[in-house]
Amino acid sequence: MLRRPLTDPWIRRSCLICLLFSIILLDTLAIAVPMQNDPNGFEGIPWGTTFSETDTFIKVEDTGRSQTYELKTGVPSLGPVKVDSMRFVPSDGRFARVTVRYQGKATHDQILAYLQSLYGSLDRTPGQIAVGPVKFCSWTGFETDVNLRYETGTDRGIIFFESQELRRKITEGNSATVF
């Protein structure tokens, strides 16, 4: 068996690539847990419900196949936590997704505690948590997915509450380069 010395450029390059990839992986927190108590919707609105402008919702965007609605009155909140925006997205007129945006570490901590109280605790086992600039948390149920992304550098977060069934319909018309 031939051994290459560590001074061999190919070996050094391979080691450097492995090291960089390891650092990138360690720089991200990704926690996913099975959802307890799948709500099959969002705050009492079942997935698939016919969705349109009402006394509660106003249309803020219309792309033909997909519309986006916001609450007409008041500052939006997720449970007891005030958030920057909350957008409701139907697919072909059927309620499919809610996107929530927020800012600030204190708000993030409150939202995380609230989501864990609804959907289950995150795995905080030593070795499962890494420190990094982007943190991902998700809860997966039979009907609902909740995905949270928080960027520590900008102190901004976004949460997607989605119908698993209708998510495919929302993304069918999008190209792979949209994201």
N, C-alpha and C. Protein backbone atom coordinates (compact mmCIF):
# COMPACT_ATOMS: atom_id res chain seq x y z
N MET A 1 0.84 -1.17 0.00
CA MET A 1 0.00 0.00 0.00
C MET A 1 0.88 1.23 0.00
N LEU A 2 0.60 2.14 -0.93
CA LEU A 2 1.37 3.36 -1.02
C LEU A 2 0.74 4.42 -0.14
N ARG A 3 1.56 5.13 0.57
CA ARG A 3 1.08 6.23 1.40
C ARG A 3 1.59 7.53 0.84
N ARG A 4 0.70 8.49 0.76
CA ARG A 4 1.11 9.80 0.29
C ARG A 4 1.46 10.66 1.50
N PRO A 5 2.52 11.38 1.44
CA PRO A 5 2.87 12.26 2.57
C PRO A 5 1.89 13.43 2.64
N LEU A 6 1.74 14.01 3.83
CA LEU A 6 0.84 15.15 4.02
C LEU A 6 1.28 16.36 3.23
N THR A 7 2.49 16.33 2.70
CA THR A 7 2.94 17.45 1.88
C THR A 7 2.43 17.33 0.45
N ASP A 8 1.84 16.22 0.09
CA ASP A 8 1.27 16.02 -1.25
C ASP A 8 0.13 17.03 -1.43
N PRO A 9 0.14 17.84 -2.50
CA PRO A 9 -0.90 18.87 -2.70
C PRO A 9 -2.31 18.30 -2.75
N TRP A 10 -2.49 17.12 -3.32
CA TRP A 10 -3.82 16.53 -3.41
C TRP A 10 -4.36 16.22 -2.01
N ILE A 11 -3.52 15.65 -1.15
CA ILE A 11 -3.93 15.32 0.22
C ILE A 11 -4.25 16.59 1.00
N ARG A 12 -3.41 17.60 0.88
CA ARG A 12 -3.63 18.85 1.61
C ARG A 12 -4.93 19.52 1.14
N ARG A 13 -5.18 19.52 -0.16
CA ARG A 13 -6.40 20.12 -0.71
C ARG A 13 -7.62 19.36 -0.21
N SER A 14 -7.56 18.03 -0.20
CA SER A 14 -8.68 17.22 0.28
C SER A 14 -8.94 17.47 1.76
N CYS A 15 -7.88 17.58 2.55
CA CYS A 15 -8.04 17.85 3.98
C CYS A 15 -8.65 19.23 4.20
N LEU A 16 -8.22 20.22 3.42
CA LEU A 16 -8.74 21.56 3.54
C LEU A 16 -10.23 21.59 3.18
N ILE A 17 -10.62 20.90 2.12
CA ILE A 17 -12.03 20.86 1.73
C ILE A 17 -12.86 20.20 2.83
N CYS A 18 -12.38 19.11 3.39
CA CYS A 18 -13.10 18.43 4.48
C CYS A 18 -13.23 19.34 5.69
N LEU A 19 -12.18 20.05 6.03
CA LEU A 19 -12.20 20.97 7.17
C LEU A 19 -13.21 22.09 6.95
N LEU A 20 -13.20 22.70 5.77
CA LEU A 20 -14.13 23.78 5.47
C LEU A 20 -15.58 23.29 5.51
N PHE A 21 -15.84 22.12 4.94
CA PHE A 21 -17.18 21.57 4.95
C PHE A 21 -17.63 21.29 6.38
N SER A 22 -16.74 20.78 7.22
CA SER A 22 -17.07 20.52 8.63
C SER A 22 -17.41 21.80 9.37
N ILE A 23 -16.67 22.86 9.10
CA ILE A 23 -16.93 24.15 9.75
C ILE A 23 -18.29 24.68 9.34
N ILE A 24 -18.62 24.57 8.06
CA ILE A 24 -19.93 25.02 7.58
C ILE A 24 -21.04 24.25 8.26
N LEU A 25 -20.89 22.93 8.38
CA LEU A 25 -21.92 22.12 9.04
C LEU A 25 -22.06 22.47 10.51
N LEU A 26 -20.97 22.73 11.18
CA LEU A 26 -21.02 23.07 12.59
C LEU A 26 -21.56 24.47 12.82
N ASP A 27 -21.55 25.30 11.76
CA ASP A 27 -21.95 26.69 11.89
C ASP A 27 -23.46 26.87 11.80
N THR A 28 -24.20 25.79 11.69
CA THR A 28 -25.65 25.86 11.55
C THR A 28 -26.32 24.96 12.58
N LEU A 29 -27.37 25.49 13.19
CA LEU A 29 -28.18 24.70 14.11
C LEU A 29 -29.41 24.22 13.36
N ALA A 30 -29.62 22.95 13.34
CA ALA A 30 -30.82 22.41 12.69
C ALA A 30 -31.44 21.39 13.62
N ILE A 31 -32.62 21.71 14.12
CA ILE A 31 -33.30 20.82 15.03
C ILE A 31 -34.67 20.50 14.44
N ALA A 32 -34.98 19.24 14.30
CA ALA A 32 -36.29 18.83 13.80
C ALA A 32 -36.87 17.80 14.76
N VAL A 33 -38.14 18.00 15.10
CA VAL A 33 -38.81 17.06 16.00
C VAL A 33 -40.19 16.74 15.46
N PRO A 34 -40.71 15.56 15.80
CA PRO A 34 -42.09 15.25 15.43
C PRO A 34 -43.04 16.18 16.18
N MET A 35 -44.07 16.63 15.51
CA MET A 35 -45.01 17.58 16.11
C MET A 35 -45.99 16.85 17.02
N GLN A 36 -46.18 17.42 18.20
CA GLN A 36 -47.25 16.96 19.08
C GLN A 36 -48.46 17.83 18.76
N ASN A 37 -49.64 17.27 18.75
CA ASN A 37 -50.88 18.03 18.55
C ASN A 37 -50.91 18.81 17.23
N ASP A 38 -50.83 18.11 16.12
CA ASP A 38 -50.90 18.75 14.81
C ASP A 38 -52.23 19.49 14.71
N PRO A 39 -52.22 20.82 14.46
CA PRO A 39 -53.47 21.58 14.42
C PRO A 39 -54.23 21.46 13.11
N ASN A 40 -53.62 20.88 12.06
CA ASN A 40 -54.22 20.77 10.74
C ASN A 40 -54.73 22.12 10.27
N GLY A 41 -53.93 23.16 10.52
CA GLY A 41 -54.28 24.52 10.11
C GLY A 41 -53.48 25.51 10.93
N PHE A 42 -53.96 26.74 10.96
CA PHE A 42 -53.27 27.79 11.70
C PHE A 42 -54.29 28.61 12.47
N GLU A 43 -54.12 28.67 13.77
CA GLU A 43 -54.96 29.45 14.68
C GLU A 43 -56.45 29.30 14.36
N GLY A 44 -56.89 28.04 14.24
CA GLY A 44 -58.30 27.74 14.07
C GLY A 44 -58.79 27.73 12.63
N ILE A 45 -57.94 28.09 11.67
CA ILE A 45 -58.33 28.05 10.26
C ILE A 45 -57.77 26.77 9.66
N PRO A 46 -58.62 25.81 9.30
CA PRO A 46 -58.12 24.54 8.76
C PRO A 46 -57.48 24.70 7.38
N TRP A 47 -56.44 23.92 7.11
CA TRP A 47 -55.83 23.90 5.78
C TRP A 47 -56.90 23.51 4.77
N GLY A 48 -56.84 24.13 3.61
CA GLY A 48 -57.77 23.80 2.54
C GLY A 48 -59.05 24.62 2.56
N THR A 49 -59.27 25.42 3.61
CA THR A 49 -60.45 26.27 3.69
C THR A 49 -60.43 27.28 2.55
N THR A 50 -61.59 27.55 1.96
CA THR A 50 -61.69 28.59 0.93
C THR A 50 -61.30 29.91 1.57
N PHE A 51 -60.43 30.65 0.89
CA PHE A 51 -59.85 31.86 1.48
C PHE A 51 -60.08 33.04 0.55
N SER A 52 -60.59 34.15 1.10
CA SER A 52 -60.80 35.36 0.31
C SER A 52 -60.80 36.56 1.24
N GLU A 53 -60.95 37.76 0.66
CA GLU A 53 -61.01 38.97 1.47
C GLU A 53 -62.27 38.93 2.33
N THR A 54 -62.12 39.31 3.58
CA THR A 54 -63.24 39.34 4.52
C THR A 54 -63.07 40.56 5.42
N ASP A 55 -63.85 40.62 6.47
CA ASP A 55 -63.68 41.68 7.46
C ASP A 55 -62.35 41.54 8.18
N THR A 56 -61.79 40.33 8.18
CA THR A 56 -60.55 40.05 8.90
C THR A 56 -59.31 40.19 8.02
N PHE A 57 -59.42 39.83 6.74
CA PHE A 57 -58.25 39.76 5.85
C PHE A 57 -58.38 40.70 4.66
N ILE A 58 -57.24 41.27 4.25
CA ILE A 58 -57.18 42.11 3.07
C ILE A 58 -56.12 41.54 2.12
N LYS A 59 -56.43 41.53 0.82
CA LYS A 59 -55.49 41.03 -0.18
C LYS A 59 -54.39 42.08 -0.38
N VAL A 60 -53.12 41.66 -0.25
CA VAL A 60 -52.00 42.58 -0.43
C VAL A 60 -51.16 42.25 -1.66
N GLU A 61 -51.40 41.06 -2.25
CA GLU A 61 -50.65 40.66 -3.44
C GLU A 61 -51.48 39.66 -4.23
N ASP A 62 -51.44 39.80 -5.56
CA ASP A 62 -52.16 38.87 -6.42
C ASP A 62 -51.30 38.55 -7.62
N THR A 63 -50.85 37.29 -7.70
CA THR A 63 -50.01 36.87 -8.82
C THR A 63 -50.78 35.97 -9.78
N GLY A 64 -52.09 36.03 -9.69
CA GLY A 64 -52.93 35.19 -10.54
C GLY A 64 -53.30 33.90 -9.85
N ARG A 65 -52.39 32.95 -9.86
CA ARG A 65 -52.65 31.65 -9.24
C ARG A 65 -52.59 31.72 -7.71
N SER A 66 -51.81 32.64 -7.21
CA SER A 66 -51.62 32.73 -5.76
C SER A 66 -51.85 34.17 -5.29
N GLN A 67 -52.54 34.28 -4.18
CA GLN A 67 -52.78 35.58 -3.57
C GLN A 67 -52.16 35.57 -2.17
N THR A 68 -51.93 36.78 -1.66
CA THR A 68 -51.39 36.90 -0.31
C THR A 68 -52.28 37.87 0.45
N TYR A 69 -52.61 37.49 1.69
CA TYR A 69 -53.50 38.30 2.53
C TYR A 69 -52.79 38.64 3.84
N GLU A 70 -53.19 39.76 4.43
CA GLU A 70 -52.75 40.14 5.77
C GLU A 70 -53.98 40.46 6.60
N LEU A 71 -53.77 40.51 7.91
CA LEU A 71 -54.85 40.92 8.80
C LEU A 71 -55.16 42.39 8.56
N LYS A 72 -56.44 42.77 8.59
CA LYS A 72 -56.83 44.15 8.33
C LYS A 72 -56.50 45.08 9.49
N THR A 73 -56.63 44.59 10.71
CA THR A 73 -56.49 45.50 11.85
C THR A 73 -55.43 45.01 12.82
N GLY A 74 -54.87 45.97 13.53
CA GLY A 74 -53.96 45.66 14.63
C GLY A 74 -52.60 45.16 14.22
N VAL A 75 -51.72 45.12 15.19
CA VAL A 75 -50.38 44.58 15.01
C VAL A 75 -50.48 43.06 15.07
N PRO A 76 -49.92 42.36 14.09
CA PRO A 76 -50.03 40.90 14.13
C PRO A 76 -49.26 40.31 15.30
N SER A 77 -49.78 39.20 15.80
CA SER A 77 -49.08 38.52 16.89
C SER A 77 -49.21 37.02 16.70
N LEU A 78 -48.19 36.35 17.16
CA LEU A 78 -48.17 34.89 17.16
C LEU A 78 -48.33 34.48 18.61
N GLY A 79 -49.54 34.05 18.96
CA GLY A 79 -49.83 33.82 20.37
C GLY A 79 -49.69 35.16 21.09
N PRO A 80 -48.91 35.19 22.18
CA PRO A 80 -48.75 36.44 22.93
C PRO A 80 -47.64 37.35 22.38
N VAL A 81 -46.96 36.95 21.32
CA VAL A 81 -45.77 37.66 20.85
C VAL A 81 -46.10 38.52 19.62
N LYS A 82 -45.81 39.82 19.71
CA LYS A 82 -46.00 40.72 18.57
C LYS A 82 -44.93 40.41 17.52
N VAL A 83 -45.35 40.39 16.24
CA VAL A 83 -44.44 40.10 15.14
C VAL A 83 -44.52 41.23 14.11
N ASP A 84 -43.54 41.27 13.20
CA ASP A 84 -43.50 42.33 12.19
C ASP A 84 -44.56 42.14 11.11
N SER A 85 -44.73 40.91 10.64
CA SER A 85 -45.75 40.66 9.61
C SER A 85 -46.23 39.22 9.69
N MET A 86 -47.46 39.05 9.21
CA MET A 86 -48.07 37.73 9.14
C MET A 86 -48.86 37.69 7.83
N ARG A 87 -48.44 36.81 6.92
CA ARG A 87 -49.08 36.72 5.62
C ARG A 87 -49.71 35.35 5.42
N PHE A 88 -50.93 35.36 4.92
CA PHE A 88 -51.72 34.15 4.70
C PHE A 88 -51.75 33.88 3.19
N VAL A 89 -51.36 32.68 2.78
CA VAL A 89 -51.25 32.36 1.36
C VAL A 89 -52.12 31.15 1.01
N PRO A 90 -53.16 31.37 0.22
CA PRO A 90 -53.91 30.22 -0.30
C PRO A 90 -53.28 29.75 -1.62
N SER A 91 -53.57 28.53 -1.98
CA SER A 91 -53.18 27.99 -3.28
C SER A 91 -54.45 27.61 -4.00
N ASP A 92 -54.68 28.22 -5.15
CA ASP A 92 -55.92 28.01 -5.90
C ASP A 92 -57.14 28.25 -5.02
N GLY A 93 -57.06 29.30 -4.17
CA GLY A 93 -58.19 29.68 -3.32
C GLY A 93 -58.32 28.89 -2.04
N ARG A 94 -57.44 27.91 -1.81
CA ARG A 94 -57.51 27.08 -0.59
C ARG A 94 -56.35 27.42 0.33
N PHE A 95 -56.65 27.66 1.60
CA PHE A 95 -55.66 28.07 2.60
C PHE A 95 -54.53 27.05 2.71
N ALA A 96 -53.26 27.52 2.51
CA ALA A 96 -52.14 26.58 2.44
C ALA A 96 -50.93 26.97 3.29
N ARG A 97 -50.71 28.27 3.54
CA ARG A 97 -49.46 28.66 4.22
C ARG A 97 -49.63 29.98 4.96
N VAL A 98 -48.88 30.11 6.07
CA VAL A 98 -48.75 31.38 6.76
C VAL A 98 -47.26 31.64 6.91
N THR A 99 -46.86 32.87 6.58
CA THR A 99 -45.47 33.29 6.74
C THR A 99 -45.42 34.39 7.78
N VAL A 100 -44.61 34.17 8.81
CA VAL A 100 -44.47 35.14 9.90
C VAL A 100 -43.04 35.64 9.92
N ARG A 101 -42.87 36.95 9.97
CA ARG A 101 -41.53 37.56 10.08
C ARG A 101 -41.45 38.34 11.39
N TYR A 102 -40.26 38.28 11.99
CA TYR A 102 -40.05 38.99 13.26
C TYR A 102 -38.60 39.41 13.37
N GLN A 103 -38.34 40.26 14.38
CA GLN A 103 -37.00 40.77 14.60
C GLN A 103 -36.68 40.79 16.09
N GLY A 104 -35.42 40.53 16.41
CA GLY A 104 -34.94 40.65 17.78
C GLY A 104 -34.77 39.32 18.50
N LYS A 105 -33.72 39.25 19.27
CA LYS A 105 -33.39 38.03 20.03
C LYS A 105 -34.46 37.73 21.08
N ALA A 106 -34.94 38.76 21.78
CA ALA A 106 -35.97 38.55 22.80
C ALA A 106 -37.25 38.01 22.18
N THR A 107 -37.63 38.56 21.02
CA THR A 107 -38.81 38.07 20.31
C THR A 107 -38.60 36.62 19.87
N HIS A 108 -37.40 36.33 19.36
CA HIS A 108 -37.08 34.96 18.94
C HIS A 108 -37.24 33.99 20.11
N ASP A 109 -36.69 34.35 21.26
CA ASP A 109 -36.78 33.46 22.42
C ASP A 109 -38.23 33.24 22.84
N GLN A 110 -39.05 34.30 22.80
CA GLN A 110 -40.47 34.16 23.16
C GLN A 110 -41.21 33.28 22.15
N ILE A 111 -40.93 33.48 20.87
CA ILE A 111 -41.59 32.68 19.83
C ILE A 111 -41.19 31.22 19.95
N LEU A 112 -39.91 30.97 20.18
CA LEU A 112 -39.44 29.59 20.33
C LEU A 112 -40.13 28.91 21.51
N ALA A 113 -40.25 29.61 22.62
CA ALA A 113 -40.93 29.05 23.79
C ALA A 113 -42.41 28.78 23.47
N TYR A 114 -43.04 29.71 22.76
CA TYR A 114 -44.45 29.55 22.41
C TYR A 114 -44.65 28.34 21.49
N LEU A 115 -43.81 28.22 20.44
CA LEU A 115 -43.94 27.10 19.51
C LEU A 115 -43.69 25.77 20.21
N GLN A 116 -42.73 25.73 21.12
CA GLN A 116 -42.47 24.49 21.86
C GLN A 116 -43.65 24.14 22.75
N SER A 117 -44.33 25.14 23.30
CA SER A 117 -45.49 24.85 24.15
C SER A 117 -46.63 24.25 23.31
N LEU A 118 -46.71 24.62 22.03
CA LEU A 118 -47.76 24.10 21.16
C LEU A 118 -47.40 22.76 20.53
N TYR A 119 -46.16 22.64 20.04
CA TYR A 119 -45.80 21.52 19.17
C TYR A 119 -44.81 20.53 19.76
N GLY A 120 -44.22 20.84 20.91
CA GLY A 120 -43.28 19.92 21.54
C GLY A 120 -41.91 20.53 21.70
N SER A 121 -41.20 20.05 22.71
CA SER A 121 -39.87 20.56 23.02
C SER A 121 -38.85 20.13 21.97
N LEU A 122 -37.88 21.01 21.76
CA LEU A 122 -36.77 20.70 20.86
C LEU A 122 -35.78 19.80 21.58
N ASP A 123 -35.01 19.06 20.82
CA ASP A 123 -33.99 18.18 21.37
C ASP A 123 -32.79 19.01 21.82
N ARG A 124 -32.61 19.12 23.11
CA ARG A 124 -31.50 19.90 23.67
C ARG A 124 -30.40 19.01 24.22
N THR A 125 -30.32 17.79 23.71
CA THR A 125 -29.29 16.84 24.13
C THR A 125 -27.91 17.41 23.81
N PRO A 126 -26.96 17.34 24.76
CA PRO A 126 -25.61 17.81 24.45
C PRO A 126 -25.08 17.12 23.20
N GLY A 127 -24.44 17.94 22.35
CA GLY A 127 -23.93 17.42 21.10
C GLY A 127 -24.89 17.61 19.95
N GLN A 128 -26.18 17.91 20.24
CA GLN A 128 -27.18 18.13 19.20
C GLN A 128 -27.29 19.60 18.82
N ILE A 129 -26.69 20.47 19.63
CA ILE A 129 -26.82 21.90 19.39
C ILE A 129 -25.47 22.47 19.01
N ALA A 130 -25.43 23.21 17.92
CA ALA A 130 -24.23 23.90 17.47
C ALA A 130 -24.51 25.39 17.48
N VAL A 131 -23.49 26.17 17.63
CA VAL A 131 -23.63 27.61 17.62
C VAL A 131 -23.28 28.10 16.23
N GLY A 132 -24.08 28.99 15.69
CA GLY A 132 -23.80 29.48 14.36
C GLY A 132 -24.67 30.67 14.00
N PRO A 133 -24.46 31.23 12.80
CA PRO A 133 -25.19 32.43 12.40
C PRO A 133 -26.63 32.18 11.96
N VAL A 134 -26.98 30.95 11.60
CA VAL A 134 -28.33 30.64 11.17
C VAL A 134 -28.83 29.42 11.94
N LYS A 135 -30.00 29.57 12.52
CA LYS A 135 -30.58 28.47 13.29
C LYS A 135 -31.89 28.04 12.62
N PHE A 136 -32.07 26.74 12.47
CA PHE A 136 -33.29 26.17 11.90
C PHE A 136 -33.94 25.28 12.94
N CYS A 137 -35.25 25.40 13.06
CA CYS A 137 -36.02 24.51 13.92
C CYS A 137 -37.26 24.11 13.13
N SER A 138 -37.66 22.87 13.26
CA SER A 138 -38.88 22.47 12.56
C SER A 138 -39.63 21.41 13.34
N TRP A 139 -40.93 21.45 13.18
CA TRP A 139 -41.84 20.47 13.75
C TRP A 139 -42.62 19.89 12.59
N THR A 140 -42.72 18.59 12.52
CA THR A 140 -43.42 17.93 11.43
C THR A 140 -44.56 17.09 11.98
N GLY A 141 -45.77 17.38 11.51
CA GLY A 141 -46.94 16.61 11.90
C GLY A 141 -47.44 15.81 10.72
N PHE A 142 -48.63 15.24 10.85
CA PHE A 142 -49.22 14.48 9.76
C PHE A 142 -49.77 15.39 8.67
N GLU A 143 -50.26 16.56 9.06
CA GLU A 143 -50.87 17.50 8.12
C GLU A 143 -50.11 18.81 8.01
N THR A 144 -49.35 19.16 9.04
CA THR A 144 -48.74 20.48 9.17
C THR A 144 -47.24 20.40 9.35
N ASP A 145 -46.52 21.34 8.72
CA ASP A 145 -45.09 21.54 8.97
C ASP A 145 -44.90 22.96 9.47
N VAL A 146 -44.05 23.12 10.49
CA VAL A 146 -43.68 24.43 10.98
C VAL A 146 -42.16 24.51 10.88
N ASN A 147 -41.67 25.50 10.11
CA ASN A 147 -40.24 25.66 9.90
C ASN A 147 -39.83 27.07 10.27
N LEU A 148 -38.88 27.16 11.18
CA LEU A 148 -38.39 28.45 11.67
C LEU A 148 -36.93 28.60 11.25
N ARG A 149 -36.59 29.79 10.77
CA ARG A 149 -35.20 30.12 10.43
C ARG A 149 -34.89 31.45 11.11
N TYR A 150 -33.80 31.47 11.88
CA TYR A 150 -33.40 32.68 12.60
C TYR A 150 -31.94 32.98 12.31
N GLU A 151 -31.66 34.21 11.86
CA GLU A 151 -30.30 34.64 11.57
C GLU A 151 -29.81 35.50 12.73
N THR A 152 -28.79 35.01 13.43
CA THR A 152 -28.30 35.72 14.61
C THR A 152 -27.61 37.03 14.25
N GLY A 153 -26.96 37.12 13.10
CA GLY A 153 -26.26 38.34 12.70
C GLY A 153 -27.18 39.52 12.47
N THR A 154 -28.34 39.26 11.90
CA THR A 154 -29.30 40.33 11.61
C THR A 154 -30.45 40.36 12.63
N ASP A 155 -30.49 39.36 13.50
CA ASP A 155 -31.58 39.22 14.49
C ASP A 155 -32.95 39.20 13.82
N ARG A 156 -33.04 38.49 12.69
CA ARG A 156 -34.32 38.37 12.00
C ARG A 156 -34.72 36.92 11.87
N GLY A 157 -36.02 36.69 11.96
CA GLY A 157 -36.54 35.34 11.84
C GLY A 157 -37.72 35.28 10.90
N ILE A 158 -37.93 34.09 10.36
CA ILE A 158 -39.08 33.83 9.50
C ILE A 158 -39.60 32.43 9.83
N ILE A 159 -40.91 32.29 9.88
CA ILE A 159 -41.53 31.01 10.19
C ILE A 159 -42.55 30.70 9.10
N PHE A 160 -42.54 29.46 8.64
CA PHE A 160 -43.53 28.98 7.68
C PHE A 160 -44.39 27.94 8.37
N PHE A 161 -45.69 28.17 8.40
CA PHE A 161 -46.68 27.20 8.84
C PHE A 161 -47.32 26.72 7.55
N GLU A 162 -47.22 25.42 7.24
CA GLU A 162 -47.67 24.96 5.94
C GLU A 162 -48.47 23.66 6.00
N SER A 163 -49.42 23.59 5.09
CA SER A 163 -50.12 22.33 4.83
C SER A 163 -49.19 21.47 4.01
N GLN A 164 -48.92 20.26 4.45
CA GLN A 164 -48.06 19.38 3.68
C GLN A 164 -48.65 19.08 2.30
N GLU A 165 -49.95 18.87 2.27
CA GLU A 165 -50.62 18.53 1.01
C GLU A 165 -50.58 19.69 0.02
N LEU A 166 -50.87 20.89 0.49
CA LEU A 166 -50.99 22.03 -0.41
C LEU A 166 -49.65 22.71 -0.71
N ARG A 167 -48.61 22.40 0.04
CA ARG A 167 -47.29 23.00 -0.20
C ARG A 167 -46.81 22.68 -1.62
N ARG A 168 -47.03 21.48 -2.06
CA ARG A 168 -46.61 21.10 -3.41
C ARG A 168 -47.29 21.97 -4.47
N LYS A 169 -48.54 22.30 -4.25
CA LYS A 169 -49.27 23.13 -5.22
C LYS A 169 -48.72 24.55 -5.27
N ILE A 170 -48.29 25.07 -4.13
CA ILE A 170 -47.72 26.42 -4.09
C ILE A 170 -46.42 26.45 -4.88
N THR A 171 -45.59 25.43 -4.70
CA THR A 171 -44.27 25.45 -5.30
C THR A 171 -44.23 24.87 -6.71
N GLU A 172 -45.31 24.26 -7.18
CA GLU A 172 -45.33 23.67 -8.53
C GLU A 172 -45.00 24.69 -9.61
N GLY A 173 -45.54 25.88 -9.50
CA GLY A 173 -45.32 26.89 -10.54
C GLY A 173 -44.02 27.63 -10.40
N ASN A 174 -43.32 27.49 -9.28
CA ASN A 174 -42.07 28.20 -9.06
C ASN A 174 -40.92 27.45 -9.70
N SER A 175 -39.99 28.19 -10.27
CA SER A 175 -38.79 27.55 -10.81
C SER A 175 -37.82 27.27 -9.68
N ALA A 176 -36.83 26.44 -9.94
CA ALA A 176 -35.84 26.08 -8.93
C ALA A 176 -34.97 27.26 -8.56
N THR A 177 -34.97 28.33 -9.35
CA THR A 177 -34.12 29.49 -9.06
C THR A 177 -34.81 30.55 -8.22
N VAL A 178 -36.08 30.37 -7.87
CA VAL A 178 -36.80 31.36 -7.09
C VAL A 178 -36.16 31.54 -5.73
N PHE A 179 -35.71 30.49 -5.11
CA PHE A 179 -35.17 30.58 -3.77
C PHE A 179 -33.72 30.91 -3.85
